[in-house]
Amino acid sequence: MHSASQNFSAQMMASRATGPLGRARDWLDERGRPAWIVAMVLGFVAFWPVGLAILGYMIWSKRMFGCSKRTHHRHYSAAPTGNTAFDSYREETLKRLEDEHGEFMAFLQKLREAKDKSEFDQFMDQRDAKTGN
């Protein structure tokens, strides 16, 4: 009985996420920022509060400021299978992969910062060498 209620609640949450607004959001995300901007402009033209709501959502969800489809993280969520051992294993594995992804992204950021610093130091050395002569 407990498993059945978990399946029902998971299906309800999944249907909410894939409702008409969720499907519209996913459709716009597939097409990128220009589609969001067109939707916002059309919302302002049709009824200004709709355009304002879309603009607010774009800012709140960081879709406005360079959060492209490639960098936008979605947490994977699948309906429970009914096998609690597998479901817990899947959740642990996904959590571990998300953590590793975060660590890797932080590592890449540190590499970029180190590269930027070395390039800047090289520029400053060259500039000092030119002004010293």
N, C-alpha and C. Protein backbone atom coordinates (compact mmCIF):
# COMPACT_ATOMS: atom_id res chain seq x y z
N MET A 1 0.83 -1.19 0.00
CA MET A 1 0.00 0.00 0.00
C MET A 1 0.87 1.25 0.00
N HIS A 2 1.95 1.23 0.80
CA HIS A 2 2.84 2.39 0.87
C HIS A 2 3.48 2.64 -0.48
N SER A 3 3.89 1.58 -1.17
CA SER A 3 4.52 1.71 -2.47
C SER A 3 3.54 2.31 -3.48
N ALA A 4 2.29 1.91 -3.40
CA ALA A 4 1.29 2.43 -4.32
C ALA A 4 1.07 3.92 -4.10
N SER A 5 1.07 4.35 -2.83
CA SER A 5 0.87 5.78 -2.57
C SER A 5 2.09 6.58 -3.03
N GLN A 6 3.29 6.01 -2.91
CA GLN A 6 4.47 6.69 -3.42
C GLN A 6 4.41 6.82 -4.94
N ASN A 7 3.98 5.75 -5.63
CA ASN A 7 3.86 5.80 -7.08
C ASN A 7 2.86 6.86 -7.50
N PHE A 8 1.72 6.95 -6.79
CA PHE A 8 0.71 7.93 -7.13
C PHE A 8 1.22 9.34 -6.93
N SER A 9 1.90 9.59 -5.79
CA SER A 9 2.41 10.94 -5.55
C SER A 9 3.50 11.30 -6.55
N ALA A 10 4.33 10.34 -6.94
CA ALA A 10 5.37 10.61 -7.94
C ALA A 10 4.73 10.92 -9.29
N GLN A 11 3.65 10.20 -9.64
CA GLN A 11 2.97 10.47 -10.89
C GLN A 11 2.32 11.85 -10.87
N MET A 12 1.79 12.25 -9.71
CA MET A 12 1.17 13.57 -9.59
C MET A 12 2.23 14.66 -9.77
N MET A 13 3.39 14.47 -9.15
CA MET A 13 4.46 15.46 -9.29
C MET A 13 4.95 15.51 -10.73
N ALA A 14 5.07 14.36 -11.37
CA ALA A 14 5.52 14.32 -12.76
C ALA A 14 4.51 14.98 -13.68
N SER A 15 3.22 14.79 -13.40
CA SER A 15 2.21 15.40 -14.25
C SER A 15 2.20 16.91 -14.06
N ARG A 16 2.48 17.39 -12.84
CA ARG A 16 2.57 18.82 -12.62
C ARG A 16 3.73 19.40 -13.39
N ALA A 17 4.86 18.69 -13.39
CA ALA A 17 6.05 19.19 -14.08
C ALA A 17 5.87 19.18 -15.59
N THR A 18 5.04 18.27 -16.09
CA THR A 18 4.82 18.19 -17.53
C THR A 18 3.44 18.69 -17.91
N GLY A 19 2.84 19.51 -17.07
CA GLY A 19 1.57 20.13 -17.40
C GLY A 19 1.75 21.12 -18.53
N PRO A 20 0.70 21.87 -18.85
CA PRO A 20 0.80 22.79 -19.97
C PRO A 20 1.91 23.83 -19.80
N LEU A 21 2.06 24.37 -18.59
CA LEU A 21 3.14 25.35 -18.38
C LEU A 21 4.51 24.69 -18.45
N GLY A 22 4.63 23.49 -17.90
CA GLY A 22 5.90 22.77 -17.95
C GLY A 22 6.28 22.41 -19.38
N ARG A 23 5.27 21.99 -20.16
CA ARG A 23 5.55 21.67 -21.56
C ARG A 23 5.93 22.92 -22.33
N ALA A 24 5.26 24.05 -22.04
CA ALA A 24 5.61 25.31 -22.72
C ALA A 24 7.02 25.74 -22.35
N ARG A 25 7.38 25.62 -21.06
CA ARG A 25 8.72 25.97 -20.60
C ARG A 25 9.76 25.10 -21.31
N ASP A 26 9.51 23.79 -21.36
CA ASP A 26 10.46 22.89 -22.02
C ASP A 26 10.58 23.21 -23.51
N TRP A 27 9.45 23.52 -24.15
CA TRP A 27 9.47 23.85 -25.57
C TRP A 27 10.30 25.10 -25.81
N LEU A 28 10.10 26.13 -24.98
CA LEU A 28 10.88 27.36 -25.11
C LEU A 28 12.35 27.13 -24.81
N ASP A 29 12.64 26.29 -23.80
CA ASP A 29 14.04 25.98 -23.46
C ASP A 29 14.76 25.31 -24.62
N GLU A 30 14.04 24.44 -25.34
CA GLU A 30 14.67 23.76 -26.48
C GLU A 30 15.08 24.75 -27.57
N ARG A 31 14.35 25.84 -27.68
CA ARG A 31 14.62 26.82 -28.71
C ARG A 31 15.53 27.94 -28.26
N GLY A 32 15.80 28.03 -26.97
CA GLY A 32 16.80 28.98 -26.47
C GLY A 32 16.23 30.33 -26.06
N ARG A 33 17.15 31.23 -25.74
CA ARG A 33 16.80 32.55 -25.24
C ARG A 33 15.97 33.37 -26.22
N PRO A 34 16.24 33.33 -27.54
CA PRO A 34 15.41 34.12 -28.46
C PRO A 34 13.92 33.75 -28.37
N ALA A 35 13.62 32.47 -28.18
CA ALA A 35 12.21 32.06 -28.06
C ALA A 35 11.59 32.65 -26.80
N TRP A 36 12.35 32.70 -25.72
CA TRP A 36 11.85 33.30 -24.49
C TRP A 36 11.58 34.79 -24.69
N ILE A 37 12.47 35.46 -25.40
CA ILE A 37 12.29 36.89 -25.63
C ILE A 37 11.07 37.14 -26.50
N VAL A 38 10.88 36.32 -27.53
CA VAL A 38 9.71 36.46 -28.39
C VAL A 38 8.44 36.22 -27.58
N ALA A 39 8.44 35.21 -26.73
CA ALA A 39 7.27 34.93 -25.89
C ALA A 39 6.99 36.11 -24.96
N MET A 40 8.03 36.70 -24.42
CA MET A 40 7.84 37.85 -23.53
C MET A 40 7.25 39.04 -24.29
N VAL A 41 7.79 39.33 -25.47
CA VAL A 41 7.29 40.45 -26.26
C VAL A 41 5.83 40.21 -26.65
N LEU A 42 5.51 38.99 -27.09
CA LEU A 42 4.13 38.68 -27.43
C LEU A 42 3.22 38.78 -26.22
N GLY A 43 3.75 38.40 -25.05
CA GLY A 43 2.98 38.54 -23.82
C GLY A 43 2.68 39.99 -23.52
N PHE A 44 3.67 40.88 -23.71
CA PHE A 44 3.44 42.31 -23.50
C PHE A 44 2.42 42.86 -24.51
N VAL A 45 2.50 42.40 -25.75
CA VAL A 45 1.58 42.89 -26.78
C VAL A 45 0.16 42.42 -26.48
N ALA A 46 0.00 41.15 -26.12
CA ALA A 46 -1.33 40.59 -25.89
C ALA A 46 -1.96 41.15 -24.61
N PHE A 47 -1.21 41.11 -23.51
CA PHE A 47 -1.73 41.54 -22.21
C PHE A 47 -0.53 41.77 -21.33
N TRP A 48 -0.24 43.04 -21.01
CA TRP A 48 1.03 43.39 -20.38
C TRP A 48 1.37 42.59 -19.12
N PRO A 49 0.42 42.18 -18.26
CA PRO A 49 0.83 41.39 -17.09
C PRO A 49 1.44 40.03 -17.46
N VAL A 50 1.01 39.48 -18.60
CA VAL A 50 1.60 38.20 -19.05
C VAL A 50 3.06 38.40 -19.42
N GLY A 51 3.34 39.46 -20.16
CA GLY A 51 4.72 39.76 -20.52
C GLY A 51 5.57 40.04 -19.30
N LEU A 52 4.99 40.75 -18.34
CA LEU A 52 5.71 41.04 -17.09
C LEU A 52 5.98 39.76 -16.31
N ALA A 53 5.01 38.85 -16.30
CA ALA A 53 5.19 37.58 -15.60
C ALA A 53 6.30 36.75 -16.26
N ILE A 54 6.31 36.73 -17.58
CA ILE A 54 7.36 35.99 -18.30
C ILE A 54 8.72 36.62 -18.03
N LEU A 55 8.80 37.94 -18.05
CA LEU A 55 10.06 38.62 -17.75
C LEU A 55 10.53 38.28 -16.34
N GLY A 56 9.60 38.34 -15.37
CA GLY A 56 9.96 37.99 -13.99
C GLY A 56 10.46 36.57 -13.88
N TYR A 57 9.79 35.64 -14.58
CA TYR A 57 10.22 34.24 -14.55
C TYR A 57 11.59 34.07 -15.20
N MET A 58 11.82 34.79 -16.30
CA MET A 58 13.12 34.68 -16.97
C MET A 58 14.24 35.17 -16.06
N ILE A 59 14.00 36.24 -15.34
CA ILE A 59 15.02 36.77 -14.43
C ILE A 59 15.19 35.84 -13.24
N TRP A 60 14.08 35.39 -12.65
CA TRP A 60 14.14 34.52 -11.47
C TRP A 60 14.84 33.20 -11.78
N SER A 61 14.56 32.63 -12.95
CA SER A 61 15.14 31.32 -13.29
C SER A 61 16.49 31.45 -13.99
N LYS A 62 17.00 32.68 -14.10
CA LYS A 62 18.30 32.97 -14.71
C LYS A 62 18.34 32.61 -16.20
N ARG A 63 17.19 32.55 -16.85
CA ARG A 63 17.16 32.31 -18.29
C ARG A 63 17.55 33.58 -19.05
N MET A 64 17.43 34.72 -18.40
CA MET A 64 17.71 36.01 -19.04
C MET A 64 19.22 36.26 -19.14
N PHE A 65 19.97 35.80 -18.17
CA PHE A 65 21.37 36.20 -18.06
C PHE A 65 22.33 35.07 -18.40
N GLY A 66 22.25 34.56 -19.61
CA GLY A 66 23.26 33.66 -20.11
C GLY A 66 23.22 32.24 -19.59
N CYS A 67 22.14 31.82 -19.01
CA CYS A 67 22.06 30.43 -18.54
C CYS A 67 21.48 29.61 -19.68
N SER A 68 22.34 29.16 -20.56
CA SER A 68 21.87 28.47 -21.75
C SER A 68 21.49 27.04 -21.42
N LYS A 69 20.98 26.36 -22.45
CA LYS A 69 20.55 24.98 -22.27
C LYS A 69 21.72 24.09 -21.85
N ARG A 70 22.90 24.42 -22.32
CA ARG A 70 24.07 23.60 -21.98
C ARG A 70 24.48 23.76 -20.53
N THR A 71 24.28 24.93 -19.95
CA THR A 71 24.72 25.14 -18.58
C THR A 71 23.60 25.05 -17.57
N HIS A 72 22.37 25.00 -18.05
CA HIS A 72 21.24 24.93 -17.14
C HIS A 72 21.11 23.51 -16.61
N HIS A 73 21.20 23.37 -15.30
CA HIS A 73 21.16 22.04 -14.70
C HIS A 73 19.73 21.65 -14.39
N ARG A 74 19.38 20.46 -14.77
CA ARG A 74 18.10 19.89 -14.40
C ARG A 74 18.37 18.67 -13.56
N HIS A 75 17.71 18.59 -12.46
CA HIS A 75 17.88 17.42 -11.63
C HIS A 75 17.02 16.31 -12.20
N TYR A 76 17.66 15.17 -12.43
CA TYR A 76 16.98 14.03 -13.00
C TYR A 76 15.99 13.50 -11.97
N SER A 77 14.78 13.26 -12.41
CA SER A 77 13.76 12.74 -11.52
C SER A 77 12.93 11.74 -12.30
N ALA A 78 12.92 10.52 -11.83
CA ALA A 78 12.13 9.49 -12.48
C ALA A 78 11.15 8.91 -11.47
N ALA A 79 10.07 8.41 -11.99
CA ALA A 79 9.06 7.82 -11.12
C ALA A 79 9.66 6.59 -10.44
N PRO A 80 9.29 6.35 -9.19
CA PRO A 80 9.80 5.16 -8.50
C PRO A 80 9.38 3.89 -9.23
N THR A 81 10.25 2.91 -9.19
CA THR A 81 9.96 1.64 -9.86
C THR A 81 9.19 0.68 -8.98
N GLY A 82 9.16 0.97 -7.69
CA GLY A 82 8.53 0.04 -6.76
C GLY A 82 9.56 -0.83 -6.07
N ASN A 83 10.74 -0.92 -6.65
CA ASN A 83 11.83 -1.67 -6.04
C ASN A 83 12.65 -0.67 -5.23
N THR A 84 12.47 -0.70 -3.91
CA THR A 84 13.09 0.32 -3.07
C THR A 84 14.61 0.24 -3.10
N ALA A 85 15.16 -0.97 -3.23
CA ALA A 85 16.62 -1.10 -3.27
C ALA A 85 17.17 -0.42 -4.52
N PHE A 86 16.53 -0.67 -5.66
CA PHE A 86 16.99 -0.05 -6.90
C PHE A 86 16.78 1.46 -6.86
N ASP A 87 15.62 1.90 -6.35
CA ASP A 87 15.34 3.34 -6.28
C ASP A 87 16.37 4.06 -5.42
N SER A 88 16.74 3.47 -4.28
CA SER A 88 17.73 4.13 -3.42
C SER A 88 19.11 4.11 -4.08
N TYR A 89 19.45 3.01 -4.76
CA TYR A 89 20.72 2.94 -5.48
C TYR A 89 20.77 4.01 -6.57
N ARG A 90 19.68 4.15 -7.31
CA ARG A 90 19.62 5.13 -8.38
C ARG A 90 19.77 6.54 -7.82
N GLU A 91 19.07 6.83 -6.74
CA GLU A 91 19.17 8.16 -6.14
C GLU A 91 20.58 8.44 -5.64
N GLU A 92 21.21 7.46 -4.98
CA GLU A 92 22.58 7.64 -4.49
C GLU A 92 23.55 7.86 -5.65
N THR A 93 23.37 7.09 -6.71
CA THR A 93 24.25 7.22 -7.87
C THR A 93 24.08 8.58 -8.53
N LEU A 94 22.84 9.02 -8.70
CA LEU A 94 22.60 10.32 -9.30
C LEU A 94 23.16 11.44 -8.43
N LYS A 95 23.00 11.32 -7.12
CA LYS A 95 23.53 12.32 -6.20
C LYS A 95 25.06 12.36 -6.31
N ARG A 96 25.69 11.19 -6.36
CA ARG A 96 27.14 11.12 -6.49
C ARG A 96 27.60 11.75 -7.80
N LEU A 97 26.89 11.46 -8.89
CA LEU A 97 27.26 12.04 -10.18
C LEU A 97 27.09 13.55 -10.19
N GLU A 98 26.02 14.06 -9.56
CA GLU A 98 25.84 15.51 -9.48
C GLU A 98 26.96 16.14 -8.67
N ASP A 99 27.36 15.48 -7.57
CA ASP A 99 28.46 16.00 -6.75
C ASP A 99 29.77 16.01 -7.54
N GLU A 100 30.03 14.92 -8.28
CA GLU A 100 31.25 14.86 -9.08
C GLU A 100 31.23 15.92 -10.18
N HIS A 101 30.06 16.13 -10.76
CA HIS A 101 29.94 17.16 -11.79
C HIS A 101 30.26 18.53 -11.21
N GLY A 102 29.72 18.81 -10.03
CA GLY A 102 29.99 20.09 -9.38
C GLY A 102 31.47 20.26 -9.07
N GLU A 103 32.11 19.19 -8.58
CA GLU A 103 33.54 19.25 -8.28
C GLU A 103 34.34 19.48 -9.57
N PHE A 104 33.94 18.82 -10.65
CA PHE A 104 34.64 18.98 -11.92
C PHE A 104 34.49 20.39 -12.46
N MET A 105 33.29 20.95 -12.35
CA MET A 105 33.06 22.32 -12.81
C MET A 105 33.90 23.30 -11.98
N ALA A 106 34.00 23.06 -10.68
CA ALA A 106 34.84 23.92 -9.83
C ALA A 106 36.31 23.79 -10.24
N PHE A 107 36.75 22.57 -10.55
CA PHE A 107 38.12 22.34 -11.01
C PHE A 107 38.39 23.10 -12.30
N LEU A 108 37.44 23.03 -13.25
CA LEU A 108 37.61 23.76 -14.51
C LEU A 108 37.68 25.26 -14.27
N GLN A 109 36.87 25.76 -13.35
CA GLN A 109 36.90 27.19 -13.03
C GLN A 109 38.27 27.58 -12.48
N LYS A 110 38.83 26.75 -11.60
CA LYS A 110 40.16 27.03 -11.04
C LYS A 110 41.21 27.02 -12.15
N LEU A 111 41.08 26.07 -13.10
CA LEU A 111 42.03 26.03 -14.22
C LEU A 111 41.94 27.31 -15.05
N ARG A 112 40.71 27.76 -15.32
CA ARG A 112 40.54 28.99 -16.10
C ARG A 112 41.15 30.19 -15.37
N GLU A 113 40.92 30.25 -14.06
CA GLU A 113 41.48 31.35 -13.27
C GLU A 113 43.00 31.31 -13.27
N ALA A 114 43.58 30.11 -13.15
CA ALA A 114 45.04 29.98 -13.18
C ALA A 114 45.60 30.39 -14.54
N LYS A 115 44.90 30.01 -15.61
CA LYS A 115 45.35 30.38 -16.95
C LYS A 115 45.26 31.89 -17.12
N ASP A 116 44.16 32.49 -16.67
CA ASP A 116 44.01 33.94 -16.77
C ASP A 116 45.13 34.65 -15.99
N LYS A 117 45.42 34.14 -14.80
CA LYS A 117 46.46 34.77 -13.97
C LYS A 117 47.81 34.66 -14.66
N SER A 118 48.13 33.48 -15.22
CA SER A 118 49.44 33.34 -15.87
C SER A 118 49.54 34.24 -17.10
N GLU A 119 48.43 34.37 -17.86
CA GLU A 119 48.45 35.26 -19.02
C GLU A 119 48.62 36.71 -18.59
N PHE A 120 47.95 37.10 -17.52
CA PHE A 120 48.08 38.47 -17.03
C PHE A 120 49.50 38.72 -16.52
N ASP A 121 50.05 37.76 -15.78
CA ASP A 121 51.42 37.91 -15.29
C ASP A 121 52.40 38.03 -16.46
N GLN A 122 52.18 37.23 -17.51
CA GLN A 122 53.04 37.30 -18.69
C GLN A 122 52.92 38.68 -19.34
N PHE A 123 51.71 39.20 -19.44
CA PHE A 123 51.50 40.54 -20.01
C PHE A 123 52.23 41.59 -19.18
N MET A 124 52.10 41.49 -17.86
CA MET A 124 52.74 42.48 -17.00
C MET A 124 54.26 42.39 -17.12
N ASP A 125 54.82 41.18 -17.22
CA ASP A 125 56.27 41.03 -17.39
C ASP A 125 56.73 41.65 -18.71
N GLN A 126 55.95 41.41 -19.79
CA GLN A 126 56.30 41.99 -21.08
C GLN A 126 56.21 43.50 -21.04
N ARG A 127 55.20 44.02 -20.39
CA ARG A 127 55.03 45.47 -20.28
C ARG A 127 56.17 46.07 -19.48
N ASP A 128 56.55 45.42 -18.36
CA ASP A 128 57.66 45.91 -17.54
C ASP A 128 58.96 45.87 -18.32
N ALA A 129 59.14 44.82 -19.14
CA ALA A 129 60.35 44.71 -19.95
C ALA A 129 60.41 45.83 -20.99
N LYS A 130 59.28 46.20 -21.57
CA LYS A 130 59.26 47.27 -22.56
C LYS A 130 59.52 48.62 -21.92
N THR A 131 58.94 48.87 -20.77
CA THR A 131 59.13 50.16 -20.11
C THR A 131 60.49 50.26 -19.45
N GLY A 132 61.11 49.13 -19.16
CA GLY A 132 62.45 49.14 -18.55
C GLY A 132 63.55 49.42 -19.54
N ASN A 133 63.30 49.24 -20.82
CA ASN A 133 64.34 49.48 -21.85
C ASN A 133 64.39 50.87 -22.30
